[in-house]
Amino acid sequence: QDRNHLQFWLRNGYAVVASDYQGLGTSGTHPYLATRPEAYSNLDII
């Protein structure tokens, strides 16, 4: 469903950037549902 949703936006001419969020993939534990780490990760990938 996410792949299809992102495809919808791509086909409408939008680029999509997407963070894994802090600690997912990289070193350290992902702070699940903690909003400030998510926000910082999103702002910095932009």
All heavy atoms as atom14 arrays in JSON, in Angstrom:
{
  "sequence": "QDRNHLQFWLRNGYAVVASDYQGLGTSGTHPYLATRPEAYSNLDII",
  "atom14_mask": [
    [1, 1, 1, 1, 1, 1, 1, 1, 1, 0, 0, 0, 0, 0],
    [1, 1, 1, 1, 1, 1, 1, 1, 0, 0, 0, 0, 0, 0],
    [1, 1, 1, 1, 1, 1, 1, 1, 1, 1, 1, 0, 0, 0],
    [1, 1, 1, 1, 1, 1, 1, 1, 0, 0, 0, 0, 0, 0],
    [1, 1, 1, 1, 1, 1, 1, 1, 1, 1, 0, 0, 0, 0],
    [1, 1, 1, 1, 1, 1, 1, 1, 0, 0, 0, 0, 0, 0],
    [1, 1, 1, 1, 1, 1, 1, 1, 1, 0, 0, 0, 0, 0],
    [1, 1, 1, 1, 1, 1, 1, 1, 1, 1, 1, 0, 0, 0],
    [1, 1, 1, 1, 1, 1, 1, 1, 1, 1, 1, 1, 1, 1],
    [1, 1, 1, 1, 1, 1, 1, 1, 0, 0, 0, 0, 0, 0],
    [1, 1, 1, 1, 1, 1, 1, 1, 1, 1, 1, 0, 0, 0],
    [1, 1, 1, 1, 1, 1, 1, 1, 0, 0, 0, 0, 0, 0],
    [1, 1, 1, 1, 0, 0, 0, 0, 0, 0, 0, 0, 0, 0],
    [1, 1, 1, 1, 1, 1, 1, 1, 1, 1, 1, 1, 0, 0],
    [1, 1, 1, 1, 1, 0, 0, 0, 0, 0, 0, 0, 0, 0],
    [1, 1, 1, 1, 1, 1, 1, 0, 0, 0, 0, 0, 0, 0],
    [1, 1, 1, 1, 1, 1, 1, 0, 0, 0, 0, 0, 0, 0],
    [1, 1, 1, 1, 1, 0, 0, 0, 0, 0, 0, 0, 0, 0],
    [1, 1, 1, 1, 1, 1, 0, 0, 0, 0, 0, 0, 0, 0],
    [1, 1, 1, 1, 1, 1, 1, 1, 0, 0, 0, 0, 0, 0],
    [1, 1, 1, 1, 1, 1, 1, 1, 1, 1, 1, 1, 0, 0],
    [1, 1, 1, 1, 1, 1, 1, 1, 1, 0, 0, 0, 0, 0],
    [1, 1, 1, 1, 0, 0, 0, 0, 0, 0, 0, 0, 0, 0],
    [1, 1, 1, 1, 1, 1, 1, 1, 0, 0, 0, 0, 0, 0],
    [1, 1, 1, 1, 0, 0, 0, 0, 0, 0, 0, 0, 0, 0],
    [1, 1, 1, 1, 1, 1, 1, 0, 0, 0, 0, 0, 0, 0],
    [1, 1, 1, 1, 1, 1, 0, 0, 0, 0, 0, 0, 0, 0],
    [1, 1, 1, 1, 0, 0, 0, 0, 0, 0, 0, 0, 0, 0],
    [1, 1, 1, 1, 1, 1, 1, 0, 0, 0, 0, 0, 0, 0],
    [1, 1, 1, 1, 1, 1, 1, 1, 1, 1, 0, 0, 0, 0],
    [1, 1, 1, 1, 1, 1, 1, 0, 0, 0, 0, 0, 0, 0],
    [1, 1, 1, 1, 1, 1, 1, 1, 1, 1, 1, 1, 0, 0],
    [1, 1, 1, 1, 1, 1, 1, 1, 0, 0, 0, 0, 0, 0],
    [1, 1, 1, 1, 1, 0, 0, 0, 0, 0, 0, 0, 0, 0],
    [1, 1, 1, 1, 1, 1, 1, 0, 0, 0, 0, 0, 0, 0],
    [1, 1, 1, 1, 1, 1, 1, 1, 1, 1, 1, 0, 0, 0],
    [1, 1, 1, 1, 1, 1, 1, 0, 0, 0, 0, 0, 0, 0],
    [1, 1, 1, 1, 1, 1, 1, 1, 1, 0, 0, 0, 0, 0],
    [1, 1, 1, 1, 1, 0, 0, 0, 0, 0, 0, 0, 0, 0],
    [1, 1, 1, 1, 1, 1, 1, 1, 1, 1, 1, 1, 0, 0],
    [1, 1, 1, 1, 1, 1, 0, 0, 0, 0, 0, 0, 0, 0],
    [1, 1, 1, 1, 1, 1, 1, 1, 0, 0, 0, 0, 0, 0],
    [1, 1, 1, 1, 1, 1, 1, 1, 0, 0, 0, 0, 0, 0],
    [1, 1, 1, 1, 1, 1, 1, 1, 0, 0, 0, 0, 0, 0],
    [1, 1, 1, 1, 1, 1, 1, 1, 0, 0, 0, 0, 0, 0],
    [1, 1, 1, 1, 1, 1, 1, 1, 0, 0, 0, 0, 0, 0]
  ],
  "atom14_positions": [
    [[0.82, -1.2, 0.0], [0.0, 0.0, 0.0], [0.86, 1.26, 0.0], [0.55, 2.21, -0.71], [-0.93, 0.03, 1.21], [-1.78, 1.3, 1.26], [-2.84, 1.28, 2.32], [-3.81, 0.54, 2.23], [-2.67, 2.1, 3.34], [0.0, 0.0, 0.0], [0.0, 0.0, 0.0], [0.0, 0.0, 0.0], [0.0, 0.0, 0.0], [0.0, 0.0, 0.0]],
    [[1.94, 1.26, 0.76], [2.82, 2.43, 0.77], [3.49, 2.62, -0.59], [3.63, 3.76, -1.06], [3.88, 2.29, 1.87], [3.31, 2.51, 3.26], [2.11, 2.84, 3.37], [4.06, 2.34, 4.24], [0.0, 0.0, 0.0], [0.0, 0.0, 0.0], [0.0, 0.0, 0.0], [0.0, 0.0, 0.0], [0.0, 0.0, 0.0], [0.0, 0.0, 0.0]],
    [[3.92, 1.52, -1.2], [4.54, 1.61, -2.52], [3.56, 2.22, -3.53], [3.92, 3.09, -4.32], [4.99, 0.23, -2.99], [6.22, -0.29, -2.26], [6.4, -1.8, -2.45], [6.58, -2.18, -3.84], [7.74, -2.18, -4.48], [8.84, -1.79, -3.85], [7.83, -2.56, -5.73], [0.0, 0.0, 0.0], [0.0, 0.0, 0.0], [0.0, 0.0, 0.0]],
    [[2.32, 1.76, -3.47], [1.31, 2.3, -4.39], [1.02, 3.77, -4.11], [0.82, 4.56, -5.04], [0.01, 1.49, -4.26], [0.15, 0.07, -4.78], [1.05, -0.23, -5.56], [-0.73, -0.82, -4.35], [0.0, 0.0, 0.0], [0.0, 0.0, 0.0], [0.0, 0.0, 0.0], [0.0, 0.0, 0.0], [0.0, 0.0, 0.0], [0.0, 0.0, 0.0]],
    [[1.01, 4.12, -2.83], [0.73, 5.51, -2.47], [1.85, 6.44, -2.93], [1.59, 7.51, -3.5], [0.56, 5.62, -0.95], [0.03, 6.94, -0.49], [-1.13, 7.49, -0.99], [0.51, 7.84, 0.42], [-1.36, 8.66, -0.4], [-0.38, 8.89, 0.45], [0.0, 0.0, 0.0], [0.0, 0.0, 0.0], [0.0, 0.0, 0.0], [0.0, 0.0, 0.0]],
    [[3.1, 6.02, -2.73], [4.21, 6.84, -3.19], [4.24, 6.9, -4.72], [4.57, 7.94, -5.3], [5.53, 6.3, -2.65], [5.67, 6.28, -1.12], [7.1, 5.95, -0.72], [5.23, 7.59, -0.49], [0.0, 0.0, 0.0], [0.0, 0.0, 0.0], [0.0, 0.0, 0.0], [0.0, 0.0, 0.0], [0.0, 0.0, 0.0], [0.0, 0.0, 0.0]],
    [[3.87, 5.79, -5.36], [3.79, 5.79, -6.83], [2.77, 6.83, -7.33], [3.01, 7.51, -8.33], [3.41, 4.4, -7.33], [3.34, 4.28, -8.85], [2.92, 2.89, -9.3], [2.29, 2.15, -8.56], [3.3, 2.52, -10.51], [0.0, 0.0, 0.0], [0.0, 0.0, 0.0], [0.0, 0.0, 0.0], [0.0, 0.0, 0.0], [0.0, 0.0, 0.0]],
    [[1.66, 6.95, -6.63], [0.65, 7.94, -6.99], [1.26, 9.34, -7.04], [1.05, 10.1, -7.99], [-0.5, 7.89, -5.98], [-1.48, 9.03, -6.08], [-2.51, 8.99, -7.01], [-1.35, 10.15, -5.26], [-3.41, 10.06, -7.12], [-2.25, 11.21, -5.35], [-3.28, 11.16, -6.29], [0.0, 0.0, 0.0], [0.0, 0.0, 0.0], [0.0, 0.0, 0.0]],
    [[2.03, 9.69, -6.01], [2.62, 11.03, -5.96], [3.74, 11.19, -6.99], [3.87, 12.25, -7.62], [3.11, 11.33, -4.54], [1.96, 11.46, -3.6], [1.47, 10.53, -2.73], [1.09, 12.6, -3.49], [0.37, 11.02, -2.07], [0.11, 12.29, -2.51], [1.06, 13.85, -4.09], [-0.89, 13.18, -2.14], [0.06, 14.75, -3.73], [-0.9, 14.41, -2.76]],
    [[4.54, 10.15, -7.18], [5.6, 10.21, -8.18], [5.01, 10.44, -9.57], [5.52, 11.25, -10.36], [6.42, 8.93, -8.15], [7.36, 8.77, -6.95], [7.77, 7.31, -6.77], [8.6, 9.65, -7.13], [0.0, 0.0, 0.0], [0.0, 0.0, 0.0], [0.0, 0.0, 0.0], [0.0, 0.0, 0.0], [0.0, 0.0, 0.0], [0.0, 0.0, 0.0]],
    [[3.93, 9.72, -9.89], [3.32, 9.86, -11.22], [2.64, 11.2, -11.41], [2.36, 11.61, -12.54], [2.36, 8.69, -11.46], [3.11, 7.39, -11.71], [2.2, 6.26, -12.1], [2.98, 5.11, -12.56], [2.46, 3.91, -12.82], [1.16, 3.7, -12.65], [3.23, 2.93, -13.23], [0.0, 0.0, 0.0], [0.0, 0.0, 0.0], [0.0, 0.0, 0.0]],
    [[2.36, 11.88, -10.32], [1.81, 13.22, -10.4], [2.9, 14.29, -10.38], [2.6, 15.48, -10.24], [0.81, 13.46, -9.28], [-0.57, 12.93, -9.61], [-1.33, 13.57, -10.36], [-0.9, 11.74, -9.11], [0.0, 0.0, 0.0], [0.0, 0.0, 0.0], [0.0, 0.0, 0.0], [0.0, 0.0, 0.0], [0.0, 0.0, 0.0], [0.0, 0.0, 0.0]],
    [[4.17, 13.85, -10.47], [5.26, 14.79, -10.65], [5.9, 15.3, -9.38], [6.51, 16.37, -9.38], [0.0, 0.0, 0.0], [0.0, 0.0, 0.0], [0.0, 0.0, 0.0], [0.0, 0.0, 0.0], [0.0, 0.0, 0.0], [0.0, 0.0, 0.0], [0.0, 0.0, 0.0], [0.0, 0.0, 0.0], [0.0, 0.0, 0.0], [0.0, 0.0, 0.0]],
    [[5.81, 14.51, -8.3], [6.41, 14.92, -7.04], [7.6, 14.02, -6.71], [7.53, 12.78, -6.86], [5.39, 14.84, -5.9], [4.25, 15.82, -6.04], [3.11, 15.47, -6.75], [4.34, 17.1, -5.51], [2.08, 16.37, -6.92], [3.3, 18.01, -5.67], [2.17, 17.64, -6.38], [1.15, 18.54, -6.55], [0.0, 0.0, 0.0], [0.0, 0.0, 0.0]],
    [[8.69, 14.62, -6.25], [9.8, 13.86, -5.69], [9.44, 13.48, -4.26], [8.73, 14.22, -3.58], [11.08, 14.67, -5.72], [0.0, 0.0, 0.0], [0.0, 0.0, 0.0], [0.0, 0.0, 0.0], [0.0, 0.0, 0.0], [0.0, 0.0, 0.0], [0.0, 0.0, 0.0], [0.0, 0.0, 0.0], [0.0, 0.0, 0.0], [0.0, 0.0, 0.0]],
    [[9.93, 12.33, -3.82], [9.62, 11.85, -2.47], [10.92, 11.56, -1.73], [11.76, 10.78, -2.2], [8.76, 10.58, -2.5], [8.53, 10.05, -1.08], [7.41, 10.85, -3.17], [0.0, 0.0, 0.0], [0.0, 0.0, 0.0], [0.0, 0.0, 0.0], [0.0, 0.0, 0.0], [0.0, 0.0, 0.0], [0.0, 0.0, 0.0], [0.0, 0.0, 0.0]],
    [[11.09, 12.2, -0.58], [12.21, 11.9, 0.3], [11.62, 11.27, 1.56], [10.53, 11.64, 2.0], [13.02, 13.16, 0.63], [12.21, 14.17, 1.44], [14.31, 12.82, 1.34], [0.0, 0.0, 0.0], [0.0, 0.0, 0.0], [0.0, 0.0, 0.0], [0.0, 0.0, 0.0], [0.0, 0.0, 0.0], [0.0, 0.0, 0.0], [0.0, 0.0, 0.0]],
    [[12.31, 10.28, 2.12], [11.75, 9.55, 3.26], [12.85, 9.09, 4.2], [13.72, 8.31, 3.82], [10.93, 8.35, 2.8], [0.0, 0.0, 0.0], [0.0, 0.0, 0.0], [0.0, 0.0, 0.0], [0.0, 0.0, 0.0], [0.0, 0.0, 0.0], [0.0, 0.0, 0.0], [0.0, 0.0, 0.0], [0.0, 0.0, 0.0], [0.0, 0.0, 0.0]],
    [[12.8, 9.57, 5.43], [13.75, 9.14, 6.45], [13.34, 7.79, 7.02], [12.15, 7.48, 7.13], [13.81, 10.17, 7.58], [14.65, 9.72, 8.63], [0.0, 0.0, 0.0], [0.0, 0.0, 0.0], [0.0, 0.0, 0.0], [0.0, 0.0, 0.0], [0.0, 0.0, 0.0], [0.0, 0.0, 0.0], [0.0, 0.0, 0.0], [0.0, 0.0, 0.0]],
    [[14.35, 6.99, 7.41], [14.07, 5.78, 8.19], [13.76, 6.13, 9.64], [13.2, 5.3, 10.36], [15.29, 4.84, 8.17], [15.48, 4.17, 6.83], [14.5, 3.96, 6.11], [16.65, 3.85, 6.5], [0.0, 0.0, 0.0], [0.0, 0.0, 0.0], [0.0, 0.0, 0.0], [0.0, 0.0, 0.0], [0.0, 0.0, 0.0], [0.0, 0.0, 0.0]],
    [[14.16, 7.31, 10.08], [14.14, 7.81, 11.45], [15.39, 7.33, 12.21], [15.98, 6.29, 11.91], [12.91, 7.42, 12.26], [11.56, 7.7, 11.67], [10.49, 6.85, 11.92], [11.34, 8.83, 10.88], [9.23, 7.11, 11.4], [10.09, 9.09, 10.37], [9.03, 8.21, 10.62], [7.79, 8.47, 10.1], [0.0, 0.0, 0.0], [0.0, 0.0, 0.0]],
    [[15.74, 8.1, 13.18], [16.9, 7.82, 14.04], [16.9, 6.38, 14.55], [15.9, 5.9, 15.09], [16.87, 8.79, 15.22], [17.93, 8.57, 16.28], [17.8, 9.55, 17.43], [17.37, 10.69, 17.24], [18.19, 9.14, 18.62], [0.0, 0.0, 0.0], [0.0, 0.0, 0.0], [0.0, 0.0, 0.0], [0.0, 0.0, 0.0], [0.0, 0.0, 0.0]],
    [[18.02, 5.7, 14.38], [18.2, 4.38, 14.96], [17.63, 3.23, 14.17], [17.81, 2.06, 14.55], [0.0, 0.0, 0.0], [0.0, 0.0, 0.0], [0.0, 0.0, 0.0], [0.0, 0.0, 0.0], [0.0, 0.0, 0.0], [0.0, 0.0, 0.0], [0.0, 0.0, 0.0], [0.0, 0.0, 0.0], [0.0, 0.0, 0.0], [0.0, 0.0, 0.0]],
    [[16.94, 3.48, 13.06], [16.45, 2.4, 12.2], [17.41, 2.26, 11.02], [17.48, 3.15, 10.17], [15.04, 2.7, 11.68], [13.88, 2.08, 12.44], [12.55, 2.55, 11.87], [13.97, 0.56, 12.41], [0.0, 0.0, 0.0], [0.0, 0.0, 0.0], [0.0, 0.0, 0.0], [0.0, 0.0, 0.0], [0.0, 0.0, 0.0], [0.0, 0.0, 0.0]],
    [[18.16, 1.18, 11.0], [19.2, 0.97, 9.99], [20.57, 1.37, 10.5], [21.55, 0.67, 10.26], [0.0, 0.0, 0.0], [0.0, 0.0, 0.0], [0.0, 0.0, 0.0], [0.0, 0.0, 0.0], [0.0, 0.0, 0.0], [0.0, 0.0, 0.0], [0.0, 0.0, 0.0], [0.0, 0.0, 0.0], [0.0, 0.0, 0.0], [0.0, 0.0, 0.0]],
    [[20.64, 2.49, 11.2], [21.91, 2.98, 11.72], [22.07, 2.62, 13.2], [21.15, 2.09, 13.82], [21.99, 4.5, 11.55], [20.8, 5.1, 12.09], [22.1, 4.88, 10.08], [0.0, 0.0, 0.0], [0.0, 0.0, 0.0], [0.0, 0.0, 0.0], [0.0, 0.0, 0.0], [0.0, 0.0, 0.0], [0.0, 0.0, 0.0], [0.0, 0.0, 0.0]],
    [[23.22, 2.92, 13.73], [23.55, 2.56, 15.11], [22.62, 3.22, 16.11], [22.19, 4.36, 15.94], [25.0, 2.97, 15.4], [25.34, 2.7, 16.74], [0.0, 0.0, 0.0], [0.0, 0.0, 0.0], [0.0, 0.0, 0.0], [0.0, 0.0, 0.0], [0.0, 0.0, 0.0], [0.0, 0.0, 0.0], [0.0, 0.0, 0.0], [0.0, 0.0, 0.0]],
    [[22.3, 2.49, 17.18], [21.44, 3.0, 18.23], [20.02, 2.47, 18.12], [19.61, 1.96, 17.07], [0.0, 0.0, 0.0], [0.0, 0.0, 0.0], [0.0, 0.0, 0.0], [0.0, 0.0, 0.0], [0.0, 0.0, 0.0], [0.0, 0.0, 0.0], [0.0, 0.0, 0.0], [0.0, 0.0, 0.0], [0.0, 0.0, 0.0], [0.0, 0.0, 0.0]],
    [[19.26, 2.59, 19.18], [17.89, 2.1, 19.21], [16.93, 3.16, 18.69], [17.0, 4.32, 19.09], [17.49, 1.72, 20.65], [18.39, 0.71, 21.12], [16.06, 1.18, 20.69], [0.0, 0.0, 0.0], [0.0, 0.0, 0.0], [0.0, 0.0, 0.0], [0.0, 0.0, 0.0], [0.0, 0.0, 0.0], [0.0, 0.0, 0.0], [0.0, 0.0, 0.0]],
    [[16.04, 2.75, 17.81], [15.01, 3.66, 17.32], [14.06, 4.03, 18.46], [13.45, 3.15, 19.07], [14.22, 2.99, 16.19], [12.98, 3.72, 15.79], [12.98, 5.07, 15.48], [11.7, 3.29, 15.65], [11.74, 5.43, 15.16], [10.95, 4.38, 15.26], [0.0, 0.0, 0.0], [0.0, 0.0, 0.0], [0.0, 0.0, 0.0], [0.0, 0.0, 0.0]],
    [[13.91, 5.33, 18.78], [13.0, 5.74, 19.87], [11.55, 5.71, 19.37], [11.01, 6.73, 18.95], [13.45, 7.16, 20.21], [14.69, 7.41, 19.4], [14.63, 6.48, 18.24], [0.0, 0.0, 0.0], [0.0, 0.0, 0.0], [0.0, 0.0, 0.0], [0.0, 0.0, 0.0], [0.0, 0.0, 0.0], [0.0, 0.0, 0.0], [0.0, 0.0, 0.0]],
    [[10.93, 4.57, 19.44], [9.63, 4.34, 18.82], [8.57, 5.33, 19.32], [8.34, 5.45, 20.53], [9.17, 2.91, 19.1], [7.79, 2.6, 18.57], [7.56, 2.58, 17.19], [6.73, 2.35, 19.42], [6.3, 2.32, 16.69], [5.47, 2.07, 18.92], [5.26, 2.07, 17.55], [4.0, 1.81, 17.07], [0.0, 0.0, 0.0], [0.0, 0.0, 0.0]],
    [[7.95, 6.04, 18.36], [6.88, 7.0, 18.6], [7.32, 8.28, 19.31], [6.48, 9.14, 19.56], [5.72, 6.37, 19.39], [4.7, 5.56, 18.58], [3.6, 5.06, 19.49], [4.11, 6.37, 17.44], [0.0, 0.0, 0.0], [0.0, 0.0, 0.0], [0.0, 0.0, 0.0], [0.0, 0.0, 0.0], [0.0, 0.0, 0.0], [0.0, 0.0, 0.0]],
    [[8.58, 8.42, 19.64], [9.06, 9.68, 20.21], [9.1, 10.71, 19.08], [9.77, 10.52, 18.07], [10.43, 9.51, 20.84], [0.0, 0.0, 0.0], [0.0, 0.0, 0.0], [0.0, 0.0, 0.0], [0.0, 0.0, 0.0], [0.0, 0.0, 0.0], [0.0, 0.0, 0.0], [0.0, 0.0, 0.0], [0.0, 0.0, 0.0], [0.0, 0.0, 0.0]],
    [[8.36, 11.8, 19.24], [8.14, 12.69, 18.11], [9.32, 13.61, 17.79], [9.53, 13.96, 16.63], [6.88, 13.55, 18.36], [6.96, 14.15, 19.65], [5.63, 12.69, 18.28], [0.0, 0.0, 0.0], [0.0, 0.0, 0.0], [0.0, 0.0, 0.0], [0.0, 0.0, 0.0], [0.0, 0.0, 0.0], [0.0, 0.0, 0.0], [0.0, 0.0, 0.0]],
    [[10.09, 14.02, 18.79], [11.2, 14.92, 18.48], [12.27, 14.22, 17.64], [12.76, 14.82, 16.66], [11.81, 15.52, 19.75], [12.79, 16.64, 19.44], [13.26, 17.38, 20.69], [14.22, 16.6, 21.46], [15.05, 17.12, 22.37], [15.0, 18.42, 22.63], [15.88, 16.34, 23.04], [0.0, 0.0, 0.0], [0.0, 0.0, 0.0], [0.0, 0.0, 0.0]],
    [[12.68, 12.97, 17.95], [13.63, 12.3, 17.06], [13.11, 12.15, 15.63], [13.86, 12.33, 14.67], [13.83, 10.93, 17.73], [13.52, 11.16, 19.17], [12.42, 12.18, 19.17], [0.0, 0.0, 0.0], [0.0, 0.0, 0.0], [0.0, 0.0, 0.0], [0.0, 0.0, 0.0], [0.0, 0.0, 0.0], [0.0, 0.0, 0.0], [0.0, 0.0, 0.0]],
    [[11.82, 11.83, 15.48], [11.25, 11.73, 14.14], [11.34, 13.08, 13.43], [11.71, 13.15, 12.25], [9.78, 11.3, 14.23], [9.58, 9.89, 14.77], [8.13, 9.63, 15.15], [7.35, 10.59, 15.33], [7.77, 8.45, 15.3], [0.0, 0.0, 0.0], [0.0, 0.0, 0.0], [0.0, 0.0, 0.0], [0.0, 0.0, 0.0], [0.0, 0.0, 0.0]],
    [[10.97, 14.14, 14.13], [10.98, 15.47, 13.52], [12.38, 15.87, 13.08], [12.57, 16.37, 11.96], [10.42, 16.49, 14.51], [0.0, 0.0, 0.0], [0.0, 0.0, 0.0], [0.0, 0.0, 0.0], [0.0, 0.0, 0.0], [0.0, 0.0, 0.0], [0.0, 0.0, 0.0], [0.0, 0.0, 0.0], [0.0, 0.0, 0.0], [0.0, 0.0, 0.0]],
    [[13.37, 15.7, 13.95], [14.73, 16.07, 13.59], [15.22, 15.26, 12.38], [15.85, 15.8, 11.47], [15.67, 15.85, 14.78], [15.55, 16.85, 15.9], [14.57, 17.85, 15.9], [16.44, 16.82, 16.98], [14.47, 18.76, 16.94], [16.34, 17.75, 18.02], [15.35, 18.71, 18.0], [15.26, 19.6, 19.03], [0.0, 0.0, 0.0], [0.0, 0.0, 0.0]],
    [[14.94, 13.95, 12.39], [15.35, 13.1, 11.26], [14.71, 13.58, 9.97], [15.36, 13.62, 8.91], [14.96, 11.65, 11.54], [15.67, 11.11, 12.62], [0.0, 0.0, 0.0], [0.0, 0.0, 0.0], [0.0, 0.0, 0.0], [0.0, 0.0, 0.0], [0.0, 0.0, 0.0], [0.0, 0.0, 0.0], [0.0, 0.0, 0.0], [0.0, 0.0, 0.0]],
    [[13.42, 13.94, 10.01], [12.73, 14.4, 8.82], [13.27, 15.74, 8.33], [13.52, 15.93, 7.13], [11.23, 14.52, 9.1], [10.56, 13.19, 9.34], [11.0, 12.17, 8.82], [9.51, 13.18, 10.14], [0.0, 0.0, 0.0], [0.0, 0.0, 0.0], [0.0, 0.0, 0.0], [0.0, 0.0, 0.0], [0.0, 0.0, 0.0], [0.0, 0.0, 0.0]],
    [[13.44, 16.67, 9.23], [13.92, 17.99, 8.84], [15.32, 17.92, 8.25], [15.65, 18.63, 7.28], [13.89, 18.94, 10.05], [12.48, 19.32, 10.51], [12.52, 19.92, 11.92], [11.83, 20.3, 9.54], [0.0, 0.0, 0.0], [0.0, 0.0, 0.0], [0.0, 0.0, 0.0], [0.0, 0.0, 0.0], [0.0, 0.0, 0.0], [0.0, 0.0, 0.0]],
    [[16.15, 17.05, 8.78], [17.53, 16.98, 8.3], [17.67, 16.24, 6.98], [18.57, 16.57, 6.19], [18.43, 16.37, 9.38], [18.79, 17.38, 10.45], [18.95, 18.57, 10.11], [18.89, 17.0, 11.63], [0.0, 0.0, 0.0], [0.0, 0.0, 0.0], [0.0, 0.0, 0.0], [0.0, 0.0, 0.0], [0.0, 0.0, 0.0], [0.0, 0.0, 0.0]],
    [[16.78, 15.29, 6.68], [16.88, 14.66, 5.36], [16.39, 15.64, 4.29], [16.9, 15.64, 3.16], [16.12, 13.31, 5.29], [16.6, 12.51, 4.07], [14.61, 13.5, 5.25], [16.09, 11.08, 4.03], [0.0, 0.0, 0.0], [0.0, 0.0, 0.0], [0.0, 0.0, 0.0], [0.0, 0.0, 0.0], [0.0, 0.0, 0.0], [0.0, 0.0, 0.0]],
    [[15.42, 16.49, 4.63], [14.99, 17.54, 3.71], [16.16, 18.49, 3.44], [16.47, 18.82, 2.28], [13.78, 18.3, 4.28], [12.57, 17.37, 4.38], [13.45, 19.51, 3.41], [11.44, 17.93, 5.23], [0.0, 0.0, 0.0], [0.0, 0.0, 0.0], [0.0, 0.0, 0.0], [0.0, 0.0, 0.0], [0.0, 0.0, 0.0], [0.0, 0.0, 0.0]]
  ]
}
